[in-house]
Amino acid sequence: MCLRDNHGTFVLAKVLQYDQVYPVAVGEALGLYHAIQWMQYMHFNNVDFELDSKITRDAFHSRKEDVTKFGNIIDECRVQFFSPLSQTLGSSLLGDKRMRRLML
């Protein structure tokens, strides 16, 4: 994960290591989940989460039920993202690179 300011300048990075091998979609969803938690922990505000994965972004914004591991992680992302703590962050989830505050 890479944190950038509103000008696209590098600020911080964080690396996560997993003991298992996951499908790409699950890995992308886990990255989003941990990025949301990281921003909450760091008490950052006005954060835009930028994703390279259209599948993850579309699943996050979808209302379709998904009972797979990927779907469960996306559900947890929504819980974290829309929690009262995140609402004070002023967060948004983007699927393009025009808003370059947080790249996953």
N, C-alpha and C. Protein backbone atom coordinates (compact mmCIF):
# COMPACT_ATOMS: atom_id res chain seq x y z
N MET A 1 0.85 -1.16 0.00
CA MET A 1 0.00 0.00 0.00
C MET A 1 0.89 1.23 0.00
N CYS A 2 0.45 2.21 -0.72
CA CYS A 2 1.23 3.44 -0.84
C CYS A 2 0.32 4.63 -0.58
N LEU A 3 0.71 5.47 0.34
CA LEU A 3 -0.06 6.66 0.67
C LEU A 3 0.59 7.85 -0.01
N ARG A 4 -0.24 8.61 -0.73
CA ARG A 4 0.22 9.81 -1.42
C ARG A 4 -0.63 11.00 -0.98
N ASP A 5 -0.06 12.19 -1.07
CA ASP A 5 -0.83 13.38 -0.73
C ASP A 5 -1.68 13.81 -1.93
N ASN A 6 -2.37 14.94 -1.80
CA ASN A 6 -3.27 15.38 -2.86
C ASN A 6 -2.54 15.81 -4.14
N HIS A 7 -1.23 15.90 -4.11
CA HIS A 7 -0.45 16.23 -5.30
C HIS A 7 0.18 14.98 -5.92
N GLY A 8 -0.05 13.82 -5.31
CA GLY A 8 0.51 12.58 -5.80
C GLY A 8 1.90 12.28 -5.28
N THR A 9 2.36 13.07 -4.33
CA THR A 9 3.69 12.88 -3.76
C THR A 9 3.66 11.77 -2.71
N PHE A 10 4.63 10.88 -2.78
CA PHE A 10 4.73 9.77 -1.83
C PHE A 10 4.84 10.29 -0.40
N VAL A 11 4.08 9.66 0.53
CA VAL A 11 4.12 10.03 1.94
C VAL A 11 4.56 8.83 2.79
N LEU A 12 3.85 7.71 2.68
CA LEU A 12 4.12 6.52 3.48
C LEU A 12 3.84 5.27 2.67
N ALA A 13 4.39 4.14 3.10
CA ALA A 13 4.07 2.86 2.48
C ALA A 13 3.95 1.81 3.58
N LYS A 14 3.21 0.77 3.29
CA LYS A 14 3.06 -0.33 4.22
C LYS A 14 3.04 -1.62 3.42
N VAL A 15 3.74 -2.63 3.90
CA VAL A 15 3.80 -3.92 3.25
C VAL A 15 3.15 -4.95 4.16
N LEU A 16 2.32 -5.80 3.57
CA LEU A 16 1.70 -6.88 4.31
C LEU A 16 2.17 -8.20 3.74
N GLN A 17 2.34 -9.18 4.61
CA GLN A 17 2.76 -10.50 4.17
C GLN A 17 1.75 -11.51 4.68
N TYR A 18 1.33 -12.41 3.80
CA TYR A 18 0.38 -13.45 4.16
C TYR A 18 1.07 -14.80 4.11
N ASP A 19 0.66 -15.70 4.99
CA ASP A 19 1.24 -17.03 5.04
C ASP A 19 0.62 -17.99 4.02
N GLN A 20 -0.45 -17.56 3.38
CA GLN A 20 -1.13 -18.39 2.39
C GLN A 20 -1.07 -17.73 1.02
N VAL A 21 -1.35 -18.52 0.00
CA VAL A 21 -1.47 -17.98 -1.35
C VAL A 21 -2.96 -17.84 -1.63
N TYR A 22 -3.36 -16.62 -2.03
CA TYR A 22 -4.77 -16.34 -2.29
C TYR A 22 -4.97 -16.04 -3.76
N PRO A 23 -6.19 -16.28 -4.25
CA PRO A 23 -6.51 -15.81 -5.60
C PRO A 23 -6.36 -14.29 -5.67
N VAL A 24 -6.10 -13.76 -6.84
CA VAL A 24 -5.84 -12.32 -7.00
C VAL A 24 -6.98 -11.48 -6.43
N ALA A 25 -8.22 -11.84 -6.74
CA ALA A 25 -9.37 -11.05 -6.27
C ALA A 25 -9.41 -10.99 -4.74
N VAL A 26 -9.14 -12.11 -4.08
CA VAL A 26 -9.12 -12.14 -2.62
C VAL A 26 -7.99 -11.27 -2.09
N GLY A 27 -6.83 -11.34 -2.72
CA GLY A 27 -5.70 -10.50 -2.31
C GLY A 27 -6.00 -9.02 -2.45
N GLU A 28 -6.66 -8.63 -3.53
CA GLU A 28 -7.05 -7.23 -3.73
C GLU A 28 -8.04 -6.79 -2.66
N ALA A 29 -9.01 -7.64 -2.34
CA ALA A 29 -10.00 -7.32 -1.31
C ALA A 29 -9.33 -7.20 0.06
N LEU A 30 -8.39 -8.09 0.35
CA LEU A 30 -7.65 -8.00 1.62
C LEU A 30 -6.84 -6.71 1.69
N GLY A 31 -6.27 -6.31 0.55
CA GLY A 31 -5.52 -5.05 0.52
C GLY A 31 -6.41 -3.87 0.85
N LEU A 32 -7.62 -3.84 0.29
CA LEU A 32 -8.55 -2.76 0.59
C LEU A 32 -8.94 -2.78 2.06
N TYR A 33 -9.25 -3.96 2.58
CA TYR A 33 -9.64 -4.08 3.99
C TYR A 33 -8.54 -3.53 4.91
N HIS A 34 -7.31 -3.93 4.66
CA HIS A 34 -6.21 -3.47 5.51
C HIS A 34 -5.89 -1.99 5.30
N ALA A 35 -6.09 -1.49 4.11
CA ALA A 35 -5.89 -0.05 3.86
C ALA A 35 -6.90 0.78 4.64
N ILE A 36 -8.15 0.35 4.66
CA ILE A 36 -9.18 1.07 5.43
C ILE A 36 -8.82 1.06 6.91
N GLN A 37 -8.43 -0.11 7.41
CA GLN A 37 -8.04 -0.18 8.83
C GLN A 37 -6.83 0.70 9.12
N TRP A 38 -5.86 0.72 8.23
CA TRP A 38 -4.65 1.52 8.42
C TRP A 38 -4.98 3.00 8.50
N MET A 39 -5.84 3.47 7.61
CA MET A 39 -6.20 4.90 7.62
C MET A 39 -6.97 5.27 8.89
N GLN A 40 -7.81 4.36 9.36
CA GLN A 40 -8.51 4.60 10.62
C GLN A 40 -7.51 4.66 11.78
N TYR A 41 -6.60 3.72 11.81
CA TYR A 41 -5.59 3.68 12.87
C TYR A 41 -4.72 4.93 12.88
N MET A 42 -4.37 5.41 11.69
CA MET A 42 -3.50 6.59 11.58
C MET A 42 -4.27 7.91 11.76
N HIS A 43 -5.60 7.82 11.86
CA HIS A 43 -6.45 9.00 12.05
C HIS A 43 -6.31 10.01 10.91
N PHE A 44 -6.17 9.50 9.68
CA PHE A 44 -6.14 10.39 8.52
C PHE A 44 -7.57 10.76 8.15
N ASN A 45 -7.74 11.93 7.57
CA ASN A 45 -9.06 12.33 7.11
C ASN A 45 -9.02 12.67 5.62
N ASN A 46 -10.19 12.71 5.01
CA ASN A 46 -10.34 13.03 3.59
C ASN A 46 -9.48 12.12 2.72
N VAL A 47 -9.68 10.82 2.86
CA VAL A 47 -8.89 9.81 2.16
C VAL A 47 -9.66 9.26 0.98
N ASP A 48 -9.02 9.19 -0.17
CA ASP A 48 -9.57 8.52 -1.34
C ASP A 48 -8.81 7.22 -1.54
N PHE A 49 -9.52 6.11 -1.55
CA PHE A 49 -8.91 4.81 -1.77
C PHE A 49 -8.96 4.51 -3.26
N GLU A 50 -7.81 4.36 -3.86
CA GLU A 50 -7.71 4.09 -5.29
C GLU A 50 -7.36 2.64 -5.51
N LEU A 51 -8.10 1.98 -6.37
CA LEU A 51 -7.88 0.56 -6.63
C LEU A 51 -7.50 0.32 -8.08
N ASP A 52 -6.64 -0.66 -8.29
CA ASP A 52 -6.32 -1.11 -9.64
C ASP A 52 -7.30 -2.20 -10.08
N SER A 53 -8.02 -2.78 -9.13
CA SER A 53 -8.90 -3.91 -9.41
C SER A 53 -10.33 -3.45 -9.62
N LYS A 54 -10.78 -3.52 -10.87
CA LYS A 54 -12.17 -3.17 -11.18
C LYS A 54 -13.13 -4.15 -10.53
N ILE A 55 -12.73 -5.42 -10.43
CA ILE A 55 -13.58 -6.44 -9.80
C ILE A 55 -13.84 -6.08 -8.35
N THR A 56 -12.81 -5.66 -7.63
CA THR A 56 -12.97 -5.29 -6.22
C THR A 56 -13.82 -4.05 -6.09
N ARG A 57 -13.56 -3.04 -6.91
CA ARG A 57 -14.35 -1.80 -6.84
C ARG A 57 -15.82 -2.07 -7.15
N ASP A 58 -16.07 -2.82 -8.21
CA ASP A 58 -17.46 -3.13 -8.59
C ASP A 58 -18.16 -3.94 -7.50
N ALA A 59 -17.46 -4.91 -6.91
CA ALA A 59 -18.06 -5.71 -5.85
C ALA A 59 -18.37 -4.85 -4.63
N PHE A 60 -17.50 -3.92 -4.31
CA PHE A 60 -17.71 -3.03 -3.17
C PHE A 60 -18.98 -2.20 -3.36
N HIS A 61 -19.21 -1.72 -4.57
CA HIS A 61 -20.37 -0.87 -4.85
C HIS A 61 -21.63 -1.67 -5.19
N SER A 62 -21.51 -2.97 -5.38
CA SER A 62 -22.64 -3.81 -5.76
C SER A 62 -23.46 -4.20 -4.53
N ARG A 63 -24.71 -4.49 -4.76
CA ARG A 63 -25.59 -4.97 -3.69
C ARG A 63 -25.88 -6.46 -3.85
N LYS A 64 -25.20 -7.13 -4.79
CA LYS A 64 -25.39 -8.56 -4.98
C LYS A 64 -24.77 -9.32 -3.82
N GLU A 65 -25.43 -10.38 -3.42
CA GLU A 65 -24.91 -11.21 -2.34
C GLU A 65 -23.82 -12.13 -2.89
N ASP A 66 -22.71 -12.21 -2.19
CA ASP A 66 -21.60 -13.07 -2.59
C ASP A 66 -21.14 -13.81 -1.34
N VAL A 67 -21.32 -15.13 -1.31
CA VAL A 67 -21.01 -15.92 -0.12
C VAL A 67 -19.61 -16.55 -0.19
N THR A 68 -18.80 -16.13 -1.16
CA THR A 68 -17.43 -16.64 -1.26
C THR A 68 -16.53 -15.90 -0.26
N LYS A 69 -15.30 -16.37 -0.13
CA LYS A 69 -14.33 -15.69 0.72
C LYS A 69 -14.15 -14.24 0.27
N PHE A 70 -14.05 -14.02 -1.05
CA PHE A 70 -13.95 -12.68 -1.61
C PHE A 70 -15.13 -11.83 -1.16
N GLY A 71 -16.34 -12.35 -1.29
CA GLY A 71 -17.54 -11.61 -0.89
C GLY A 71 -17.56 -11.28 0.59
N ASN A 72 -17.11 -12.21 1.41
CA ASN A 72 -17.06 -11.96 2.86
C ASN A 72 -16.09 -10.84 3.20
N ILE A 73 -14.96 -10.80 2.52
CA ILE A 73 -13.98 -9.74 2.76
C ILE A 73 -14.55 -8.39 2.29
N ILE A 74 -15.21 -8.38 1.14
CA ILE A 74 -15.82 -7.15 0.65
C ILE A 74 -16.88 -6.66 1.64
N ASP A 75 -17.68 -7.57 2.18
CA ASP A 75 -18.68 -7.19 3.20
C ASP A 75 -18.00 -6.53 4.39
N GLU A 76 -16.87 -7.09 4.84
CA GLU A 76 -16.14 -6.51 5.97
C GLU A 76 -15.56 -5.14 5.60
N CYS A 77 -15.13 -5.00 4.35
CA CYS A 77 -14.65 -3.69 3.88
C CYS A 77 -15.75 -2.65 4.00
N ARG A 78 -16.96 -3.02 3.58
CA ARG A 78 -18.10 -2.10 3.68
C ARG A 78 -18.38 -1.72 5.12
N VAL A 79 -18.34 -2.73 6.02
CA VAL A 79 -18.59 -2.45 7.44
C VAL A 79 -17.58 -1.44 7.95
N GLN A 80 -16.30 -1.65 7.66
CA GLN A 80 -15.25 -0.73 8.10
C GLN A 80 -15.40 0.64 7.44
N PHE A 81 -15.65 0.64 6.14
CA PHE A 81 -15.72 1.88 5.37
C PHE A 81 -16.87 2.77 5.82
N PHE A 82 -18.02 2.15 6.12
CA PHE A 82 -19.20 2.92 6.49
C PHE A 82 -19.41 3.00 7.99
N SER A 83 -18.41 2.60 8.78
CA SER A 83 -18.52 2.70 10.23
C SER A 83 -18.49 4.17 10.64
N PRO A 84 -19.01 4.50 11.82
CA PRO A 84 -18.97 5.90 12.27
C PRO A 84 -17.57 6.51 12.25
N LEU A 85 -16.54 5.70 12.54
CA LEU A 85 -15.17 6.21 12.51
C LEU A 85 -14.79 6.63 11.10
N SER A 86 -15.13 5.80 10.11
CA SER A 86 -14.78 6.14 8.73
C SER A 86 -15.58 7.32 8.21
N GLN A 87 -16.79 7.48 8.69
CA GLN A 87 -17.59 8.61 8.23
C GLN A 87 -16.93 9.93 8.58
N THR A 88 -16.21 9.96 9.68
CA THR A 88 -15.51 11.18 10.05
C THR A 88 -14.25 11.38 9.20
N LEU A 89 -13.80 10.31 8.52
CA LEU A 89 -12.62 10.43 7.67
C LEU A 89 -12.93 11.12 6.35
N GLY A 90 -14.18 11.15 5.95
CA GLY A 90 -14.53 11.72 4.65
C GLY A 90 -13.98 10.89 3.52
N SER A 91 -14.04 9.57 3.62
CA SER A 91 -13.44 8.67 2.66
C SER A 91 -14.30 8.47 1.43
N SER A 92 -13.64 8.08 0.33
CA SER A 92 -14.34 7.66 -0.87
C SER A 92 -13.54 6.54 -1.53
N LEU A 93 -14.23 5.71 -2.29
CA LEU A 93 -13.58 4.60 -2.97
C LEU A 93 -13.64 4.86 -4.46
N LEU A 94 -12.47 4.92 -5.08
CA LEU A 94 -12.37 5.25 -6.50
C LEU A 94 -11.85 4.06 -7.28
N GLY A 95 -12.15 4.07 -8.56
CA GLY A 95 -11.64 3.01 -9.42
C GLY A 95 -10.75 3.53 -10.53
N ASP A 96 -10.34 4.78 -10.46
CA ASP A 96 -9.47 5.32 -11.49
C ASP A 96 -8.30 6.06 -10.84
N LYS A 97 -7.43 6.61 -11.64
CA LYS A 97 -6.21 7.21 -11.10
C LYS A 97 -6.24 8.73 -11.11
N ARG A 98 -7.40 9.33 -11.28
CA ARG A 98 -7.46 10.79 -11.28
C ARG A 98 -7.28 11.36 -9.88
N MET A 99 -7.80 10.68 -8.87
CA MET A 99 -7.65 11.12 -7.50
C MET A 99 -6.55 10.28 -6.89
N ARG A 100 -5.37 10.82 -6.66
CA ARG A 100 -4.20 10.03 -6.29
C ARG A 100 -3.80 10.22 -4.83
N ARG A 101 -4.68 9.86 -3.92
CA ARG A 101 -4.30 9.98 -2.52
C ARG A 101 -3.83 8.65 -1.95
N LEU A 102 -4.51 7.57 -2.28
CA LEU A 102 -4.08 6.28 -1.78
C LEU A 102 -4.15 5.27 -2.90
N MET A 103 -3.03 4.66 -3.21
CA MET A 103 -3.00 3.66 -4.26
C MET A 103 -2.80 2.30 -3.65
N LEU A 104 -3.59 1.32 -4.11
CA LEU A 104 -3.44 -0.04 -3.64
C LEU A 104 -2.87 -0.88 -4.76
